[in-house]
Amino acid sequence: MDAFASIIILVPILHPVAQQIGMDPIQFGVFILLSFDVGAITPPVGLPLFVTIGIAKCPAEEAFRASFPFVVVLVIGTLLVGFLPELTTFIPSLMAK
């Protein structure tokens, strides 16, 4: 299932839960998008990764190894957004003034 279909299905279910735990809607949106990005480039789903493997005609192990640093950065970014809401709400809070 692609990210768009996942968003359509999961956001109406998870948004009330995020509100219950006190998560800002902007933070929730960025968190969801980063989470889907991690899911998009990691196996077994990883459709963009498998398309890249097909186009480049390289071994899957080599592509997985090459994508690992990007997965690490995305996971760290997702955790930072999850635990530090100021990262995602700083600029919108400036615009509200």
N, C-alpha and C. Protein backbone atom coordinates (compact mmCIF):
# COMPACT_ATOMS: atom_id res chain seq x y z
N MET A 1 0.86 -1.17 0.00
CA MET A 1 0.00 0.00 0.00
C MET A 1 0.91 1.24 0.00
N ASP A 2 0.56 2.20 -0.81
CA ASP A 2 1.38 3.40 -0.89
C ASP A 2 1.06 4.35 0.27
N ALA A 3 1.88 5.39 0.39
CA ALA A 3 1.77 6.31 1.52
C ALA A 3 0.44 7.07 1.50
N PHE A 4 -0.02 7.45 0.31
CA PHE A 4 -1.27 8.22 0.23
C PHE A 4 -2.44 7.41 0.78
N ALA A 5 -2.54 6.15 0.38
CA ALA A 5 -3.62 5.30 0.89
C ALA A 5 -3.49 5.10 2.40
N SER A 6 -2.27 4.93 2.86
CA SER A 6 -2.05 4.76 4.30
C SER A 6 -2.47 6.01 5.08
N ILE A 7 -2.17 7.17 4.53
CA ILE A 7 -2.56 8.42 5.19
C ILE A 7 -4.07 8.52 5.26
N ILE A 8 -4.74 8.22 4.15
CA ILE A 8 -6.20 8.31 4.11
C ILE A 8 -6.83 7.36 5.13
N ILE A 9 -6.24 6.20 5.32
CA ILE A 9 -6.81 5.21 6.24
C ILE A 9 -6.42 5.49 7.69
N LEU A 10 -5.15 5.80 7.94
CA LEU A 10 -4.66 5.84 9.32
C LEU A 10 -4.82 7.18 10.03
N VAL A 11 -4.75 8.29 9.31
CA VAL A 11 -4.81 9.60 9.98
C VAL A 11 -6.13 9.81 10.72
N PRO A 12 -7.28 9.48 10.13
CA PRO A 12 -8.52 9.66 10.91
C PRO A 12 -8.58 8.80 12.18
N ILE A 13 -7.85 7.71 12.18
CA ILE A 13 -7.84 6.84 13.36
C ILE A 13 -6.82 7.34 14.39
N LEU A 14 -5.63 7.75 13.91
CA LEU A 14 -4.55 8.11 14.82
C LEU A 14 -4.59 9.55 15.31
N HIS A 15 -5.24 10.45 14.57
CA HIS A 15 -5.26 11.85 14.98
C HIS A 15 -5.95 12.06 16.33
N PRO A 16 -7.11 11.46 16.57
CA PRO A 16 -7.70 11.61 17.91
C PRO A 16 -6.81 11.06 19.03
N VAL A 17 -6.09 10.00 18.74
CA VAL A 17 -5.16 9.44 19.74
C VAL A 17 -4.04 10.43 20.01
N ALA A 18 -3.52 11.05 18.94
CA ALA A 18 -2.45 12.04 19.11
C ALA A 18 -2.95 13.24 19.90
N GLN A 19 -4.18 13.66 19.67
CA GLN A 19 -4.74 14.77 20.44
C GLN A 19 -4.89 14.39 21.91
N GLN A 20 -5.27 13.16 22.18
CA GLN A 20 -5.43 12.69 23.56
C GLN A 20 -4.11 12.74 24.33
N ILE A 21 -3.00 12.47 23.65
CA ILE A 21 -1.71 12.50 24.35
C ILE A 21 -1.07 13.88 24.31
N GLY A 22 -1.76 14.85 23.71
CA GLY A 22 -1.28 16.22 23.72
C GLY A 22 -0.35 16.60 22.57
N MET A 23 -0.39 15.86 21.49
CA MET A 23 0.47 16.14 20.35
C MET A 23 -0.16 17.22 19.48
N ASP A 24 0.63 18.21 19.11
CA ASP A 24 0.16 19.28 18.23
C ASP A 24 -0.16 18.70 16.85
N PRO A 25 -1.21 19.19 16.17
CA PRO A 25 -1.55 18.65 14.84
C PRO A 25 -0.43 18.81 13.81
N ILE A 26 0.32 19.90 13.87
CA ILE A 26 1.44 20.08 12.94
C ILE A 26 2.53 19.06 13.24
N GLN A 27 2.82 18.86 14.50
CA GLN A 27 3.81 17.86 14.90
C GLN A 27 3.36 16.47 14.45
N PHE A 28 2.09 16.18 14.61
CA PHE A 28 1.54 14.89 14.21
C PHE A 28 1.71 14.68 12.70
N GLY A 29 1.41 15.72 11.92
CA GLY A 29 1.53 15.60 10.47
C GLY A 29 2.96 15.35 10.03
N VAL A 30 3.90 16.07 10.60
CA VAL A 30 5.31 15.87 10.25
C VAL A 30 5.77 14.49 10.71
N PHE A 31 5.34 14.07 11.88
CA PHE A 31 5.70 12.75 12.41
C PHE A 31 5.19 11.65 11.49
N ILE A 32 3.95 11.76 11.04
CA ILE A 32 3.35 10.76 10.15
C ILE A 32 4.13 10.71 8.83
N LEU A 33 4.43 11.87 8.25
CA LEU A 33 5.14 11.90 6.97
C LEU A 33 6.54 11.30 7.09
N LEU A 34 7.24 11.62 8.16
CA LEU A 34 8.57 11.03 8.35
C LEU A 34 8.49 9.52 8.57
N SER A 35 7.47 9.08 9.29
CA SER A 35 7.30 7.64 9.51
C SER A 35 7.03 6.91 8.20
N PHE A 36 6.21 7.50 7.35
CA PHE A 36 5.94 6.87 6.06
C PHE A 36 7.16 6.90 5.16
N ASP A 37 8.00 7.92 5.29
CA ASP A 37 9.25 7.96 4.52
C ASP A 37 10.17 6.81 4.94
N VAL A 38 10.26 6.57 6.22
CA VAL A 38 11.07 5.44 6.70
C VAL A 38 10.51 4.14 6.14
N GLY A 39 9.21 3.99 6.18
CA GLY A 39 8.58 2.77 5.66
C GLY A 39 8.73 2.62 4.16
N ALA A 40 8.83 3.74 3.44
CA ALA A 40 8.92 3.68 1.99
C ALA A 40 10.29 3.20 1.50
N ILE A 41 11.33 3.41 2.29
CA ILE A 41 12.65 3.03 1.81
C ILE A 41 13.26 1.84 2.54
N THR A 42 12.47 1.17 3.38
CA THR A 42 12.99 -0.01 4.05
C THR A 42 12.23 -1.25 3.58
N PRO A 43 12.93 -2.37 3.45
CA PRO A 43 12.25 -3.60 3.07
C PRO A 43 11.34 -4.06 4.20
N PRO A 44 10.33 -4.81 4.01
CA PRO A 44 9.92 -5.47 2.79
C PRO A 44 9.04 -4.61 1.88
N VAL A 45 8.54 -3.47 2.35
CA VAL A 45 7.67 -2.65 1.51
C VAL A 45 8.53 -1.92 0.49
N GLY A 46 9.33 -0.99 0.88
CA GLY A 46 10.35 -0.28 0.13
C GLY A 46 10.21 -0.20 -1.37
N LEU A 47 9.03 0.10 -1.90
CA LEU A 47 8.84 0.14 -3.35
C LEU A 47 9.81 1.07 -4.05
N PRO A 48 10.05 2.31 -3.56
CA PRO A 48 11.04 3.15 -4.26
C PRO A 48 12.44 2.52 -4.29
N LEU A 49 12.79 1.81 -3.24
CA LEU A 49 14.09 1.16 -3.20
C LEU A 49 14.16 0.04 -4.24
N PHE A 50 13.09 -0.74 -4.38
CA PHE A 50 13.10 -1.82 -5.35
C PHE A 50 13.06 -1.28 -6.78
N VAL A 51 12.40 -0.16 -7.01
CA VAL A 51 12.42 0.47 -8.34
C VAL A 51 13.83 0.94 -8.66
N THR A 52 14.50 1.52 -7.68
CA THR A 52 15.88 1.97 -7.88
C THR A 52 16.79 0.79 -8.19
N ILE A 53 16.60 -0.33 -7.51
CA ILE A 53 17.39 -1.52 -7.77
C ILE A 53 17.17 -1.99 -9.20
N GLY A 54 15.92 -1.95 -9.66
CA GLY A 54 15.63 -2.37 -11.02
C GLY A 54 16.23 -1.45 -12.07
N ILE A 55 16.18 -0.15 -11.82
CA ILE A 55 16.73 0.81 -12.78
C ILE A 55 18.25 0.74 -12.80
N ALA A 56 18.87 0.68 -11.63
CA ALA A 56 20.33 0.67 -11.55
C ALA A 56 20.93 -0.70 -11.86
N LYS A 57 20.10 -1.73 -11.83
CA LYS A 57 20.54 -3.11 -12.05
C LYS A 57 21.72 -3.47 -11.13
N CYS A 58 21.54 -3.15 -9.85
CA CYS A 58 22.56 -3.47 -8.87
C CYS A 58 22.00 -4.52 -7.90
N PRO A 59 22.85 -5.21 -7.19
CA PRO A 59 22.36 -6.19 -6.21
C PRO A 59 21.58 -5.52 -5.09
N ALA A 60 20.58 -6.23 -4.60
CA ALA A 60 19.72 -5.67 -3.55
C ALA A 60 20.53 -5.37 -2.29
N GLU A 61 21.47 -6.23 -1.94
CA GLU A 61 22.27 -6.01 -0.73
C GLU A 61 23.03 -4.69 -0.81
N GLU A 62 23.55 -4.38 -1.99
CA GLU A 62 24.29 -3.14 -2.17
C GLU A 62 23.38 -1.92 -2.00
N ALA A 63 22.18 -2.01 -2.54
CA ALA A 63 21.22 -0.90 -2.41
C ALA A 63 20.77 -0.74 -0.96
N PHE A 64 20.56 -1.85 -0.27
CA PHE A 64 20.16 -1.76 1.14
C PHE A 64 21.26 -1.13 1.98
N ARG A 65 22.50 -1.53 1.71
CA ARG A 65 23.63 -0.94 2.43
C ARG A 65 23.76 0.55 2.14
N ALA A 66 23.53 0.93 0.90
CA ALA A 66 23.66 2.34 0.53
C ALA A 66 22.53 3.18 1.13
N SER A 67 21.36 2.60 1.34
CA SER A 67 20.23 3.36 1.88
C SER A 67 20.25 3.43 3.41
N PHE A 68 21.09 2.62 4.05
CA PHE A 68 21.11 2.57 5.50
C PHE A 68 21.37 3.92 6.17
N PRO A 69 22.34 4.73 5.71
CA PRO A 69 22.55 6.04 6.36
C PRO A 69 21.32 6.95 6.27
N PHE A 70 20.59 6.86 5.17
CA PHE A 70 19.39 7.66 5.03
C PHE A 70 18.29 7.21 5.98
N VAL A 71 18.19 5.91 6.18
CA VAL A 71 17.21 5.38 7.13
C VAL A 71 17.55 5.83 8.54
N VAL A 72 18.83 5.80 8.88
CA VAL A 72 19.26 6.23 10.22
C VAL A 72 18.90 7.70 10.44
N VAL A 73 19.19 8.55 9.46
CA VAL A 73 18.88 9.98 9.59
C VAL A 73 17.38 10.19 9.71
N LEU A 74 16.59 9.48 8.91
CA LEU A 74 15.13 9.62 9.00
C LEU A 74 14.60 9.16 10.35
N VAL A 75 15.13 8.07 10.88
CA VAL A 75 14.68 7.59 12.19
C VAL A 75 15.05 8.59 13.28
N ILE A 76 16.26 9.13 13.22
CA ILE A 76 16.66 10.14 14.21
C ILE A 76 15.76 11.37 14.10
N GLY A 77 15.50 11.81 12.87
CA GLY A 77 14.60 12.95 12.67
C GLY A 77 13.20 12.68 13.18
N THR A 78 12.70 11.48 12.95
CA THR A 78 11.37 11.12 13.44
C THR A 78 11.32 11.14 14.96
N LEU A 79 12.35 10.61 15.59
CA LEU A 79 12.40 10.63 17.05
C LEU A 79 12.50 12.05 17.59
N LEU A 80 13.30 12.89 16.94
CA LEU A 80 13.41 14.28 17.38
C LEU A 80 12.07 15.01 17.26
N VAL A 81 11.38 14.80 16.15
CA VAL A 81 10.07 15.44 15.98
C VAL A 81 9.08 14.91 17.02
N GLY A 82 9.17 13.63 17.33
CA GLY A 82 8.26 13.05 18.31
C GLY A 82 8.47 13.55 19.72
N PHE A 83 9.74 13.77 20.08
CA PHE A 83 10.04 14.17 21.46
C PHE A 83 10.27 15.66 21.65
N LEU A 84 10.52 16.40 20.57
CA LEU A 84 10.74 17.84 20.67
C LEU A 84 9.76 18.58 19.76
N PRO A 85 8.56 18.86 20.25
CA PRO A 85 7.56 19.49 19.40
C PRO A 85 7.96 20.89 18.93
N GLU A 86 8.90 21.52 19.61
CA GLU A 86 9.34 22.86 19.23
C GLU A 86 9.97 22.87 17.84
N LEU A 87 10.53 21.74 17.41
CA LEU A 87 11.14 21.67 16.08
C LEU A 87 10.12 21.89 14.97
N THR A 88 8.91 21.44 15.18
CA THR A 88 7.89 21.56 14.13
C THR A 88 6.95 22.72 14.35
N THR A 89 6.87 23.24 15.54
CA THR A 89 5.91 24.31 15.80
C THR A 89 6.54 25.69 15.94
N PHE A 90 7.86 25.78 15.79
CA PHE A 90 8.54 27.05 15.97
C PHE A 90 8.13 28.08 14.91
N ILE A 91 8.26 27.74 13.65
CA ILE A 91 7.92 28.68 12.58
C ILE A 91 6.43 29.00 12.54
N PRO A 92 5.53 28.01 12.64
CA PRO A 92 4.10 28.37 12.69
C PRO A 92 3.74 29.27 13.86
N SER A 93 4.42 29.12 14.99
CA SER A 93 4.12 29.98 16.13
C SER A 93 4.56 31.42 15.86
N LEU A 94 5.59 31.62 15.06
CA LEU A 94 6.00 32.96 14.67
C LEU A 94 4.98 33.61 13.73
N MET A 95 4.37 32.81 12.89
CA MET A 95 3.40 33.33 11.93
C MET A 95 2.09 33.72 12.59
N ALA A 96 1.77 33.11 13.73
CA ALA A 96 0.50 33.38 14.41
C ALA A 96 0.51 34.73 15.13
N LYS A 97 1.68 35.30 15.33
CA LYS A 97 1.76 36.55 16.09
C LYS A 97 1.41 37.75 15.24
